[in-house]
Amino acid sequence: LCYAKMAATYTETGGAWFYAYEAFGRYPGFQIGIFSWLLGVI
């Protein structure tokens, strides 16, 4: 439901890292971007 809320609020492609950037700034967006890539690696 939280993902649904954020996806409806921000319709740009990106997911968690984009929500982190929009809500908390560049550094959290960077961190979640790293973990988004690592999710695929793991």
Full PDB file with SEQRES, HELIX, SHEET, SSBOND, CRYST1, ORIGX, SCALE, CONECT and MASTER records, all heavy atoms in Angstrom:
SEQRES   1 A   42  LEU CYS TYR ALA LYS MET ALA ALA THR TYR THR GLU THR          
SEQRES   2 A   42  GLY GLY ALA TRP PHE TYR ALA TYR GLU ALA PHE GLY ARG          
SEQRES   3 A   42  TYR PRO GLY PHE GLN ILE GLY ILE PHE SER TRP LEU LEU          
SEQRES   4 A   42  GLY VAL ILE                                                  
HELIX    1 AA1 CYS A    2  THR A    9  1                                   8    
HELIX    2 AA2 ALA A   16  PHE A   24  1                                   9    
HELIX    3 AA3 ARG A   26  VAL A   41  1                                  16    
CRYST1    1.000    1.000    1.000  90.00  90.00  90.00 P 1           1          
ORIGX1      1.000000  0.000000  0.000000        0.00000                         
ORIGX2      0.000000  1.000000  0.000000        0.00000                         
ORIGX3      0.000000  0.000000  1.000000        0.00000                         
SCALE1      1.000000  0.000000  0.000000        0.00000                         
SCALE2      0.000000  1.000000  0.000000        0.00000                         
SCALE3      0.000000  0.000000  1.000000        0.00000                         
ATOM      1  N   LEU A   1       0.831  -1.204   0.000  1.00  0.00           N  
ATOM      2  CA  LEU A   1       0.000   0.000   0.000  1.00  0.00           C  
ATOM      3  C   LEU A   1       0.868   1.257   0.000  1.00  0.00           C  
ATOM      4  O   LEU A   1       0.519   2.266  -0.632  1.00  0.00           O  
ATOM      5  CB  LEU A   1      -0.937  -0.003   1.209  1.00  0.00           C  
ATOM      6  CG  LEU A   1      -2.065  -1.049   1.172  1.00  0.00           C  
ATOM      7  CD1 LEU A   1      -2.823  -1.048   2.486  1.00  0.00           C  
ATOM      8  CD2 LEU A   1      -3.019  -0.772   0.007  1.00  0.00           C  
ATOM      9  N   CYS A   2       2.008   1.212   0.699  1.00  0.00           N  
ATOM     10  CA  CYS A   2       2.941   2.356   0.693  1.00  0.00           C  
ATOM     11  C   CYS A   2       3.530   2.551  -0.702  1.00  0.00           C  
ATOM     12  O   CYS A   2       3.669   3.687  -1.170  1.00  0.00           O  
ATOM     13  CB  CYS A   2       4.053   2.141   1.722  1.00  0.00           C  
ATOM     14  SG  CYS A   2       3.511   2.260   3.439  1.00  0.00           S  
ATOM     15  N   TYR A   3       3.885   1.449  -1.367  1.00  0.00           N  
ATOM     16  CA  TYR A   3       4.374   1.542  -2.745  1.00  0.00           C  
ATOM     17  C   TYR A   3       3.289   2.090  -3.663  1.00  0.00           C  
ATOM     18  O   TYR A   3       3.553   2.898  -4.559  1.00  0.00           O  
ATOM     19  CB  TYR A   3       4.848   0.174  -3.236  1.00  0.00           C  
ATOM     20  CG  TYR A   3       6.313  -0.084  -3.019  1.00  0.00           C  
ATOM     21  CD1 TYR A   3       6.778  -0.579  -1.804  1.00  0.00           C  
ATOM     22  CD2 TYR A   3       7.243   0.189  -4.017  1.00  0.00           C  
ATOM     23  CE1 TYR A   3       8.127  -0.818  -1.594  1.00  0.00           C  
ATOM     24  CE2 TYR A   3       8.591  -0.044  -3.816  1.00  0.00           C  
ATOM     25  CZ  TYR A   3       9.030  -0.543  -2.599  1.00  0.00           C  
ATOM     26  OH  TYR A   3      10.372  -0.755  -2.396  1.00  0.00           O  
ATOM     27  N   ALA A   4       2.053   1.621  -3.451  1.00  0.00           N  
ATOM     28  CA  ALA A   4       0.941   2.106  -4.264  1.00  0.00           C  
ATOM     29  C   ALA A   4       0.753   3.606  -4.073  1.00  0.00           C  
ATOM     30  O   ALA A   4       0.509   4.344  -5.037  1.00  0.00           O  
ATOM     31  CB  ALA A   4      -0.336   1.355  -3.893  1.00  0.00           C  
ATOM     32  N   LYS A   5       0.871   4.062  -2.824  1.00  0.00           N  
ATOM     33  CA  LYS A   5       0.733   5.490  -2.524  1.00  0.00           C  
ATOM     34  C   LYS A   5       1.807   6.302  -3.244  1.00  0.00           C  
ATOM     35  O   LYS A   5       1.505   7.312  -3.902  1.00  0.00           O  
ATOM     36  CB  LYS A   5       0.845   5.700  -1.011  1.00  0.00           C  
ATOM     37  CG  LYS A   5       1.017   7.149  -0.569  1.00  0.00           C  
ATOM     38  CD  LYS A   5      -0.204   7.977  -0.876  1.00  0.00           C  
ATOM     39  CE  LYS A   5      -0.012   9.425  -0.422  1.00  0.00           C  
ATOM     40  NZ  LYS A   5      -1.176  10.261  -0.767  1.00  0.00           N  
ATOM     41  N   MET A   6       3.063   5.865  -3.150  1.00  0.00           N  
ATOM     42  CA  MET A   6       4.159   6.621  -3.757  1.00  0.00           C  
ATOM     43  C   MET A   6       4.109   6.533  -5.283  1.00  0.00           C  
ATOM     44  O   MET A   6       4.427   7.500  -5.977  1.00  0.00           O  
ATOM     45  CB  MET A   6       5.501   6.095  -3.242  1.00  0.00           C  
ATOM     46  CG  MET A   6       5.720   6.313  -1.747  1.00  0.00           C  
ATOM     47  SD  MET A   6       5.424   8.029  -1.228  1.00  0.00           S  
ATOM     48  CE  MET A   6       6.725   8.884  -2.138  1.00  0.00           C  
ATOM     49  N   ALA A   7       3.694   5.377  -5.813  1.00  0.00           N  
ATOM     50  CA  ALA A   7       3.595   5.225  -7.269  1.00  0.00           C  
ATOM     51  C   ALA A   7       2.505   6.115  -7.839  1.00  0.00           C  
ATOM     52  O   ALA A   7       2.618   6.619  -8.963  1.00  0.00           O  
ATOM     53  CB  ALA A   7       3.323   3.773  -7.626  1.00  0.00           C  
ATOM     54  N   ALA A   8       1.435   6.319  -7.070  1.00  0.00           N  
ATOM     55  CA  ALA A   8       0.362   7.197  -7.518  1.00  0.00           C  
ATOM     56  C   ALA A   8       0.742   8.663  -7.359  1.00  0.00           C  
ATOM     57  O   ALA A   8       0.274   9.518  -8.113  1.00  0.00           O  
ATOM     58  CB  ALA A   8      -0.913   6.901  -6.730  1.00  0.00           C  
ATOM     59  N   THR A   9       1.603   8.946  -6.397  1.00  0.00           N  
ATOM     60  CA  THR A   9       2.035  10.328  -6.159  1.00  0.00           C  
ATOM     61  C   THR A   9       3.096  10.750  -7.159  1.00  0.00           C  
ATOM     62  O   THR A   9       3.063  11.862  -7.694  1.00  0.00           O  
ATOM     63  CB  THR A   9       2.593  10.473  -4.728  1.00  0.00           C  
ATOM     64  OG1 THR A   9       1.592  10.078  -3.791  1.00  0.00           O  
ATOM     65  CG2 THR A   9       2.994  11.922  -4.447  1.00  0.00           C  
ATOM     66  N   TYR A  10       4.065   9.856  -7.411  1.00  0.00           N  
ATOM     67  CA  TYR A  10       5.136  10.133  -8.365  1.00  0.00           C  
ATOM     68  C   TYR A  10       5.096   9.068  -9.448  1.00  0.00           C  
ATOM     69  O   TYR A  10       5.449   7.909  -9.199  1.00  0.00           O  
ATOM     70  CB  TYR A  10       6.499  10.128  -7.675  1.00  0.00           C  
ATOM     71  CG  TYR A  10       6.644  11.203  -6.636  1.00  0.00           C  
ATOM     72  CD1 TYR A  10       6.647  10.871  -5.278  1.00  0.00           C  
ATOM     73  CD2 TYR A  10       6.771  12.538  -6.986  1.00  0.00           C  
ATOM     74  CE1 TYR A  10       6.778  11.860  -4.314  1.00  0.00           C  
ATOM     75  CE2 TYR A  10       6.901  13.525  -6.029  1.00  0.00           C  
ATOM     76  CZ  TYR A  10       6.900  13.175  -4.691  1.00  0.00           C  
ATOM     77  OH  TYR A  10       7.026  14.152  -3.736  1.00  0.00           O  
ATOM     78  N   THR A  11       4.682   9.418 -10.616  1.00  0.00           N  
ATOM     79  CA  THR A  11       4.493   8.442 -11.696  1.00  0.00           C  
ATOM     80  C   THR A  11       5.745   8.241 -12.545  1.00  0.00           C  
ATOM     81  O   THR A  11       5.712   7.520 -13.536  1.00  0.00           O  
ATOM     82  CB  THR A  11       3.335   8.885 -12.619  1.00  0.00           C  
ATOM     83  OG1 THR A  11       3.608  10.196 -13.128  1.00  0.00           O  
ATOM     84  CG2 THR A  11       2.029   8.916 -11.846  1.00  0.00           C  
ATOM     85  N   GLU A  12       6.877   8.869 -12.149  1.00  0.00           N  
ATOM     86  CA  GLU A  12       8.114   8.682 -12.904  1.00  0.00           C  
ATOM     87  C   GLU A  12       8.672   7.279 -12.651  1.00  0.00           C  
ATOM     88  O   GLU A  12       8.439   6.666 -11.611  1.00  0.00           O  
ATOM     89  CB  GLU A  12       9.172   9.723 -12.498  1.00  0.00           C  
ATOM     90  CG  GLU A  12       8.871  11.143 -12.938  1.00  0.00           C  
ATOM     91  CD  GLU A  12       7.943  11.882 -11.965  1.00  0.00           C  
ATOM     92  OE1 GLU A  12       7.418  11.210 -11.050  1.00  0.00           O  
ATOM     93  OE2 GLU A  12       7.753  13.085 -12.134  1.00  0.00           O  
ATOM     94  N   THR A  13       9.438   6.769 -13.624  1.00  0.00           N  
ATOM     95  CA  THR A  13      10.117   5.492 -13.462  1.00  0.00           C  
ATOM     96  C   THR A  13      11.206   5.625 -12.403  1.00  0.00           C  
ATOM     97  O   THR A  13      11.898   6.630 -12.334  1.00  0.00           O  
ATOM     98  CB  THR A  13      10.751   5.059 -14.799  1.00  0.00           C  
ATOM     99  OG1 THR A  13       9.701   4.798 -15.727  1.00  0.00           O  
ATOM    100  CG2 THR A  13      11.591   3.808 -14.630  1.00  0.00           C  
ATOM    101  N   GLY A  14      11.386   4.587 -11.590  1.00  0.00           N  
ATOM    102  CA  GLY A  14      12.460   4.636 -10.608  1.00  0.00           C  
ATOM    103  C   GLY A  14      12.211   3.749  -9.407  1.00  0.00           C  
ATOM    104  O   GLY A  14      13.041   2.952  -9.023  1.00  0.00           O  
ATOM    105  N   GLY A  15      11.056   3.871  -8.777  1.00  0.00           N  
ATOM    106  CA  GLY A  15      10.791   3.058  -7.604  1.00  0.00           C  
ATOM    107  C   GLY A  15      11.420   3.647  -6.354  1.00  0.00           C  
ATOM    108  O   GLY A  15      11.457   4.862  -6.156  1.00  0.00           O  
ATOM    109  N   ALA A  16      11.936   2.759  -5.482  1.00  0.00           N  
ATOM    110  CA  ALA A  16      12.367   3.156  -4.144  1.00  0.00           C  
ATOM    111  C   ALA A  16      13.429   4.257  -4.146  1.00  0.00           C  
ATOM    112  O   ALA A  16      13.376   5.177  -3.325  1.00  0.00           O  
ATOM    113  CB  ALA A  16      12.878   1.933  -3.394  1.00  0.00           C  
ATOM    114  N   TRP A  17      14.409   4.148  -5.059  1.00  0.00           N  
ATOM    115  CA  TRP A  17      15.464   5.160  -5.033  1.00  0.00           C  
ATOM    116  C   TRP A  17      14.909   6.537  -5.381  1.00  0.00           C  
ATOM    117  O   TRP A  17      15.341   7.550  -4.820  1.00  0.00           O  
ATOM    118  CB  TRP A  17      16.601   4.784  -5.999  1.00  0.00           C  
ATOM    119  CG  TRP A  17      16.262   4.927  -7.460  1.00  0.00           C  
ATOM    120  CD1 TRP A  17      15.860   3.951  -8.306  1.00  0.00           C  
ATOM    121  CD2 TRP A  17      16.291   6.130  -8.241  1.00  0.00           C  
ATOM    122  NE1 TRP A  17      15.635   4.454  -9.564  1.00  0.00           N  
ATOM    123  CE2 TRP A  17      15.895   5.797  -9.557  1.00  0.00           C  
ATOM    124  CE3 TRP A  17      16.613   7.447  -7.970  1.00  0.00           C  
ATOM    125  CZ2 TRP A  17      15.811   6.723 -10.580  1.00  0.00           C  
ATOM    126  CZ3 TRP A  17      16.528   8.388  -8.991  1.00  0.00           C  
ATOM    127  CH2 TRP A  17      16.130   8.020 -10.281  1.00  0.00           C  
ATOM    128  N   PHE A  18      13.925   6.601  -6.285  1.00  0.00           N  
ATOM    129  CA  PHE A  18      13.341   7.890  -6.663  1.00  0.00           C  
ATOM    130  C   PHE A  18      12.514   8.462  -5.514  1.00  0.00           C  
ATOM    131  O   PHE A  18      12.548   9.674  -5.250  1.00  0.00           O  
ATOM    132  CB  PHE A  18      12.475   7.724  -7.910  1.00  0.00           C  
ATOM    133  CG  PHE A  18      11.942   9.026  -8.438  1.00  0.00           C  
ATOM    134  CD1 PHE A  18      12.762   9.908  -9.106  1.00  0.00           C  
ATOM    135  CD2 PHE A  18      10.605   9.375  -8.242  1.00  0.00           C  
ATOM    136  CE1 PHE A  18      12.275  11.122  -9.583  1.00  0.00           C  
ATOM    137  CE2 PHE A  18      10.109  10.573  -8.716  1.00  0.00           C  
ATOM    138  CZ  PHE A  18      10.946  11.457  -9.385  1.00  0.00           C  
ATOM    139  N   TYR A  19      11.779   7.598  -4.816  1.00  0.00           N  
ATOM    140  CA  TYR A  19      11.006   8.062  -3.674  1.00  0.00           C  
ATOM    141  C   TYR A  19      11.942   8.601  -2.583  1.00  0.00           C  
ATOM    142  O   TYR A  19      11.630   9.596  -1.925  1.00  0.00           O  
ATOM    143  CB  TYR A  19      10.157   6.923  -3.104  1.00  0.00           C  
ATOM    144  CG  TYR A  19       9.289   6.229  -4.123  1.00  0.00           C  
ATOM    145  CD1 TYR A  19       8.956   4.880  -3.994  1.00  0.00           C  
ATOM    146  CD2 TYR A  19       8.780   6.901  -5.235  1.00  0.00           C  
ATOM    147  CE1 TYR A  19       8.157   4.234  -4.926  1.00  0.00           C  
ATOM    148  CE2 TYR A  19       7.991   6.264  -6.183  1.00  0.00           C  
ATOM    149  CZ  TYR A  19       7.690   4.926  -6.019  1.00  0.00           C  
ATOM    150  OH  TYR A  19       6.904   4.299  -6.940  1.00  0.00           O  
ATOM    151  N   ALA A  20      13.086   7.911  -2.388  1.00  0.00           N  
ATOM    152  CA  ALA A  20      14.063   8.367  -1.395  1.00  0.00           C  
ATOM    153  C   ALA A  20      14.625   9.734  -1.767  1.00  0.00           C  
ATOM    154  O   ALA A  20      14.784  10.613  -0.904  1.00  0.00           O  
ATOM    155  CB  ALA A  20      15.189   7.341  -1.265  1.00  0.00           C  
ATOM    156  N   TYR A  21      14.922   9.913  -3.058  1.00  0.00           N  
ATOM    157  CA  TYR A  21      15.457  11.197  -3.513  1.00  0.00           C  
ATOM    158  C   TYR A  21      14.443  12.311  -3.300  1.00  0.00           C  
ATOM    159  O   TYR A  21      14.767  13.388  -2.797  1.00  0.00           O  
ATOM    160  CB  TYR A  21      15.844  11.097  -4.988  1.00  0.00           C  
ATOM    161  CG  TYR A  21      16.491  12.368  -5.530  1.00  0.00           C  
ATOM    162  CD1 TYR A  21      17.869  12.506  -5.537  1.00  0.00           C  
ATOM    163  CD2 TYR A  21      15.711  13.415  -6.007  1.00  0.00           C  
ATOM    164  CE1 TYR A  21      18.464  13.666  -6.021  1.00  0.00           C  
ATOM    165  CE2 TYR A  21      16.294  14.578  -6.489  1.00  0.00           C  
ATOM    166  CZ  TYR A  21      17.670  14.695  -6.496  1.00  0.00           C  
ATOM    167  OH  TYR A  21      18.242  15.850  -6.960  1.00  0.00           O  
ATOM    168  N   GLU A  22      13.213  12.065  -3.692  1.00  0.00           N  
ATOM    169  CA  GLU A  22      12.181  13.086  -3.583  1.00  0.00           C  
ATOM    170  C   GLU A  22      11.853  13.433  -2.135  1.00  0.00           C  
ATOM    171  O   GLU A  22      11.615  14.589  -1.803  1.00  0.00           O  
ATOM    172  CB  GLU A  22      10.901  12.623  -4.305  1.00  0.00           C  
ATOM    173  CG  GLU A  22      11.011  12.627  -5.818  1.00  0.00           C  
ATOM    174  CD  GLU A  22      11.194  14.020  -6.383  1.00  0.00           C  
ATOM    175  OE1 GLU A  22      10.549  14.958  -5.888  1.00  0.00           O  
ATOM    176  OE2 GLU A  22      12.015  14.180  -7.307  1.00  0.00           O  
ATOM    177  N   ALA A  23      11.849  12.425  -1.276  1.00  0.00           N  
ATOM    178  CA  ALA A  23      11.437  12.656   0.111  1.00  0.00           C  
ATOM    179  C   ALA A  23      12.571  13.165   0.991  1.00  0.00           C  
ATOM    180  O   ALA A  23      12.345  14.004   1.867  1.00  0.00           O  
ATOM    181  CB  ALA A  23      10.867  11.366   0.696  1.00  0.00           C  
ATOM    182  N   PHE A  24      13.790  12.683   0.748  1.00  0.00           N  
ATOM    183  CA  PHE A  24      14.865  12.943   1.702  1.00  0.00           C  
ATOM    184  C   PHE A  24      16.139  13.531   1.102  1.00  0.00           C  
ATOM    185  O   PHE A  24      17.058  13.888   1.837  1.00  0.00           O  
ATOM    186  CB  PHE A  24      15.205  11.643   2.447  1.00  0.00           C  
ATOM    187  CG  PHE A  24      14.012  10.983   3.059  1.00  0.00           C  
ATOM    188  CD1 PHE A  24      13.537   9.772   2.560  1.00  0.00           C  
ATOM    189  CD2 PHE A  24      13.333  11.571   4.114  1.00  0.00           C  
ATOM    190  CE1 PHE A  24      12.423   9.156   3.113  1.00  0.00           C  
ATOM    191  CE2 PHE A  24      12.216  10.964   4.682  1.00  0.00           C  
ATOM    192  CZ  PHE A  24      11.764   9.754   4.174  1.00  0.00           C  
ATOM    193  N   GLY A  25      16.235  13.634  -0.232  1.00  0.00           N  
ATOM    194  CA  GLY A  25      17.392  14.288  -0.824  1.00  0.00           C  
ATOM    195  C   GLY A  25      18.324  13.354  -1.573  1.00  0.00           C  
ATOM    196  O   GLY A  25      18.095  12.148  -1.683  1.00  0.00           O  
ATOM    197  N   ARG A  26      19.407  13.942  -2.085  1.00  0.00           N  
ATOM    198  CA  ARG A  26      20.306  13.224  -2.979  1.00  0.00           C  
ATOM    199  C   ARG A  26      21.038  12.063  -2.301  1.00  0.00           C  
ATOM    200  O   ARG A  26      21.125  10.971  -2.858  1.00  0.00           O  
ATOM    201  CB  ARG A  26      21.344  14.198  -3.565  1.00  0.00           C  
ATOM    202  CG  ARG A  26      22.293  13.519  -4.543  1.00  0.00           C  
ATOM    203  CD  ARG A  26      23.313  14.480  -5.126  1.00  0.00           C  
ATOM    204  NE  ARG A  26      24.213  13.769  -6.010  1.00  0.00           N  
ATOM    205  CZ  ARG A  26      23.955  13.463  -7.278  1.00  0.00           C  
ATOM    206  NH1 ARG A  26      22.801  13.830  -7.807  1.00  0.00           N  
ATOM    207  NH2 ARG A  26      24.818  12.803  -8.018  1.00  0.00           N  
ATOM    208  N   TYR A  27      21.567  12.265  -1.090  1.00  0.00           N  
ATOM    209  CA  TYR A  27      22.345  11.207  -0.455  1.00  0.00           C  
ATOM    210  C   TYR A  27      21.514   9.956  -0.177  1.00  0.00           C  
ATOM    211  O   TYR A  27      21.938   8.836  -0.517  1.00  0.00           O  
ATOM    212  CB  TYR A  27      23.001  11.705   0.834  1.00  0.00           C  
ATOM    213  CG  TYR A  27      23.694  10.610   1.589  1.00  0.00           C  
ATOM    214  CD1 TYR A  27      24.825   9.985   1.054  1.00  0.00           C  
ATOM    215  CD2 TYR A  27      23.218  10.176   2.822  1.00  0.00           C  
ATOM    216  CE1 TYR A  27      25.449   8.947   1.727  1.00  0.00           C  
ATOM    217  CE2 TYR A  27      23.838   9.147   3.504  1.00  0.00           C  
ATOM    218  CZ  TYR A  27      24.953   8.538   2.955  1.00  0.00           C  
ATOM    219  OH  TYR A  27      25.565   7.517   3.622  1.00  0.00           O  
ATOM    220  N   PRO A  28      20.308  10.071   0.423  1.00  0.00           N  
ATOM    221  CA  PRO A  28      19.471   8.870   0.569  1.00  0.00           C  
ATOM    222  C   PRO A  28      19.126   8.235  -0.781  1.00  0.00           C  
ATOM    223  O   PRO A  28      19.076   7.005  -0.902  1.00  0.00           O  
ATOM    224  CB  PRO A  28      18.209   9.386   1.280  1.00  0.00           C  
ATOM    225  CG  PRO A  28      18.680  10.592   2.016  1.00  0.00           C  
ATOM    226  CD  PRO A  28      19.702  11.223   1.114  1.00  0.00           C  
ATOM    227  N   GLY A  29      18.905   9.074  -1.808  1.00  0.00           N  
ATOM    228  CA  GLY A  29      18.640   8.533  -3.141  1.00  0.00           C  
ATOM    229  C   GLY A  29      19.823   7.749  -3.665  1.00  0.00           C  
ATOM    230  O   GLY A  29      19.665   6.691  -4.303  1.00  0.00           O  
ATOM    231  N   PHE A  30      21.024   8.247  -3.399  1.00  0.00           N  
ATOM    232  CA  PHE A  30      22.252   7.542  -3.793  1.00  0.00           C  
ATOM    233  C   PHE A  30      22.339   6.192  -3.089  1.00  0.00           C  
ATOM    234  O   PHE A  30      22.600   5.158  -3.716  1.00  0.00           O  
ATOM    235  CB  PHE A  30      23.462   8.405  -3.442  1.00  0.00           C  
ATOM    236  CG  PHE A  30      24.788   7.738  -3.673  1.00  0.00           C  
ATOM    237  CD1 PHE A  30      25.431   7.855  -4.891  1.00  0.00           C  
ATOM    238  CD2 PHE A  30      25.402   6.999  -2.662  1.00  0.00           C  
ATOM    239  CE1 PHE A  30      26.665   7.246  -5.105  1.00  0.00           C  
ATOM    240  CE2 PHE A  30      26.628   6.383  -2.863  1.00  0.00           C  
ATOM    241  CZ  PHE A  30      27.255   6.513  -4.091  1.00  0.00           C  
ATOM    242  N   GLN A  31      22.116   6.199  -1.763  1.00  0.00           N  
ATOM    243  CA  GLN A  31      22.205   4.970  -0.984  1.00  0.00           C  
ATOM    244  C   GLN A  31      21.200   3.927  -1.484  1.00  0.00           C  
ATOM    245  O   GLN A  31      21.554   2.759  -1.696  1.00  0.00           O  
ATOM    246  CB  GLN A  31      21.938   5.260   0.501  1.00  0.00           C  
ATOM    247  CG  GLN A  31      23.105   5.885   1.232  1.00  0.00           C  
ATOM    248  CD  GLN A  31      24.155   4.848   1.617  1.00  0.00           C  
ATOM    249  OE1 GLN A  31      24.056   3.678   1.257  1.00  0.00           O  
ATOM    250  NE2 GLN A  31      25.174   5.283   2.330  1.00  0.00           N  
ATOM    251  N   ILE A  32      19.960   4.327  -1.689  1.00  0.00           N  
ATOM    252  CA  ILE A  32      18.939   3.379  -2.128  1.00  0.00           C  
ATOM    253  C   ILE A  32      19.198   2.961  -3.570  1.00  0.00           C  
ATOM    254  O   ILE A  32      18.870   1.838  -3.966  1.00  0.00           O  
ATOM    255  CB  ILE A  32      17.528   3.979  -1.970  1.00  0.00           C  
ATOM    256  CG1 ILE A  32      17.298   4.372  -0.520  1.00  0.00           C  
ATOM    257  CG2 ILE A  32      16.464   2.982  -2.402  1.00  0.00           C  
ATOM    258  CD1 ILE A  32      17.510   3.247   0.476  1.00  0.00           C  
ATOM    259  N   GLY A  33      19.807   3.854  -4.373  1.00  0.00           N  
ATOM    260  CA  GLY A  33      20.213   3.470  -5.726  1.00  0.00           C  
ATOM    261  C   GLY A  33      21.219   2.335  -5.704  1.00  0.00           C  
ATOM    262  O   GLY A  33      21.115   1.370  -6.481  1.00  0.00           O  
ATOM    263  N   ILE A  34      22.203   2.425  -4.800  1.00  0.00           N  
ATOM    264  CA  ILE A  34      23.180   1.352  -4.641  1.00  0.00           C  
ATOM    265  C   ILE A  34      22.490   0.046  -4.257  1.00  0.00           C  
ATOM    266  O   ILE A  34      22.746  -1.025  -4.827  1.00  0.00           O  
ATOM    267  CB  ILE A  34      24.225   1.733  -3.562  1.00  0.00           C  
ATOM    268  CG1 ILE A  34      25.167   2.824  -4.077  1.00  0.00           C  
ATOM    269  CG2 ILE A  34      25.026   0.507  -3.117  1.00  0.00           C  
ATOM    270  CD1 ILE A  34      26.202   2.359  -5.066  1.00  0.00           C  
ATOM    271  N   PHE A  35      21.593   0.123  -3.280  1.00  0.00           N  
ATOM    272  CA  PHE A  35      20.913  -1.087  -2.820  1.00  0.00           C  
ATOM    273  C   PHE A  35      19.942  -1.631  -3.867  1.00  0.00           C  
ATOM    274  O   PHE A  35      19.695  -2.834  -3.920  1.00  0.00           O  
ATOM    275  CB  PHE A  35      20.192  -0.810  -1.498  1.00  0.00           C  
ATOM    276  CG  PHE A  35      21.099  -0.851  -0.290  1.00  0.00           C  
ATOM    277  CD1 PHE A  35      21.581   0.311   0.282  1.00  0.00           C  
ATOM    278  CD2 PHE A  35      21.479  -2.063   0.251  1.00  0.00           C  
ATOM    279  CE1 PHE A  35      22.422   0.270   1.379  1.00  0.00           C  
ATOM    280  CE2 PHE A  35      22.325  -2.123   1.353  1.00  0.00           C  
ATOM    281  CZ  PHE A  35      22.802  -0.951   1.925  1.00  0.00           C  
ATOM    282  N   SER A  36      19.386  -0.738  -4.707  1.00  0.00           N  
ATOM    283  CA  SER A  36      18.513  -1.205  -5.796  1.00  0.00           C  
ATOM    284  C   SER A  36      19.295  -2.051  -6.787  1.00  0.00           C  
ATOM    285  O   SER A  36      18.816  -3.092  -7.264  1.00  0.00           O  
ATOM    286  CB  SER A  36      17.873  -0.011  -6.509  1.00  0.00           C  
ATOM    287  OG  SER A  36      17.025   0.716  -5.650  1.00  0.00           O  
ATOM    288  N   TRP A  37      20.500  -1.593  -7.106  1.00  0.00           N  
ATOM    289  CA  TRP A  37      21.364  -2.370  -8.000  1.00  0.00           C  
ATOM    290  C   TRP A  37      21.786  -3.669  -7.325  1.00  0.00           C  
ATOM    291  O   TRP A  37      21.737  -4.752  -7.936  1.00  0.00           O  
ATOM    292  CB  TRP A  37      22.592  -1.554  -8.388  1.00  0.00           C  
ATOM    293  CG  TRP A  37      23.693  -2.356  -9.007  1.00  0.00           C  
ATOM    294  CD1 TRP A  37      23.648  -3.024 -10.190  1.00  0.00           C  
ATOM    295  CD2 TRP A  37      24.997  -2.596  -8.449  1.00  0.00           C  
ATOM    296  NE1 TRP A  37      24.857  -3.666 -10.419  1.00  0.00           N  
ATOM    297  CE2 TRP A  37      25.702  -3.417  -9.366  1.00  0.00           C  
ATOM    298  CE3 TRP A  37      25.639  -2.178  -7.284  1.00  0.00           C  
ATOM    299  CZ2 TRP A  37      27.009  -3.838  -9.133  1.00  0.00           C  
ATOM    300  CZ3 TRP A  37      26.943  -2.595  -7.052  1.00  0.00           C  
ATOM    301  CH2 TRP A  37      27.605  -3.421  -7.978  1.00  0.00           C  
ATOM    302  N   LEU A  38      22.151  -3.591  -6.038  1.00  0.00           N  
ATOM    303  CA  LEU A  38      22.597  -4.786  -5.324  1.00  0.00           C  
ATOM    304  C   LEU A  38      21.489  -5.813  -5.163  1.00  0.00           C  
ATOM    305  O   LEU A  38      21.759  -7.014  -5.086  1.00  0.00           O  
ATOM    306  CB  LEU A  38      23.153  -4.399  -3.948  1.00  0.00           C  
ATOM    307  CG  LEU A  38      24.568  -3.823  -3.957  1.00  0.00           C  
ATOM    308  CD1 LEU A  38      24.937  -3.294  -2.581  1.00  0.00           C  
ATOM    309  CD2 LEU A  38      25.579  -4.872  -4.415  1.00  0.00           C  
ATOM    310  N   LEU A  39      20.244  -5.347  -5.123  1.00  0.00           N  
ATOM    311  CA  LEU A  39      19.132  -6.296  -5.062  1.00  0.00           C  
ATOM    312  C   LEU A  39      19.166  -7.214  -6.276  1.00  0.00           C  
ATOM    313  O   LEU A  39      18.967  -8.432  -6.160  1.00  0.00           O  
ATOM    314  CB  LEU A  39      17.803  -5.541  -5.000  1.00  0.00           C  
ATOM    315  CG  LEU A  39      16.536  -6.419  -5.008  1.00  0.00           C  
ATOM    316  CD1 LEU A  39      16.540  -7.379  -3.823  1.00  0.00           C  
ATOM    317  CD2 LEU A  39      15.286  -5.547  -4.987  1.00  0.00           C  
ATOM    318  N   GLY A  40      19.448  -6.648  -7.448  1.00  0.00           N  
ATOM    319  CA  GLY A  40      19.574  -7.461  -8.653  1.00  0.00           C  
ATOM    320  C   GLY A  40      20.783  -8.378  -8.599  1.00  0.00           C  
ATOM    321  O   GLY A  40      20.707  -9.545  -9.002  1.00  0.00           O  
ATOM    322  N   VAL A  41      21.906  -7.873  -8.078  1.00  0.00           N  
ATOM    323  CA  VAL A  41      23.131  -8.676  -7.995  1.00  0.00           C  
ATOM    324  C   VAL A  41      22.935  -9.878  -7.075  1.00  0.00           C  
ATOM    325  O   VAL A  41      23.292 -11.018  -7.410  1.00  0.00           O  
ATOM    326  CB  VAL A  41      24.309  -7.815  -7.495  1.00  0.00           C  
ATOM    327  CG1 VAL A  41      25.568  -8.669  -7.351  1.00  0.00           C  
ATOM    328  CG2 VAL A  41      24.579  -6.648  -8.444  1.00  0.00           C  
ATOM    329  N   ILE A  42      22.374  -9.620  -5.895  1.00  0.00           N  
ATOM    330  CA  ILE A  42      22.175 -10.707  -4.923  1.00  0.00           C  
ATOM    331  C   ILE A  42      21.124 -11.683  -5.432  1.00  0.00           C  
ATOM    332  O   ILE A  42      21.248 -12.901  -5.239  1.00  0.00           O  
ATOM    333  CB  ILE A  42      21.787 -10.131  -3.553  1.00  0.00           C  
ATOM    334  CG1 ILE A  42      22.892  -9.199  -3.038  1.00  0.00           C  
ATOM    335  CG2 ILE A  42      21.570 -11.253  -2.541  1.00  0.00           C  
ATOM    336  CD1 ILE A  42      22.515  -8.421  -1.786  1.00  0.00           C  
TER     337      ILE A  42                                                      
MASTER        0    0    0    3    0    0    0    6  336    1    0    4          
END                                                                             
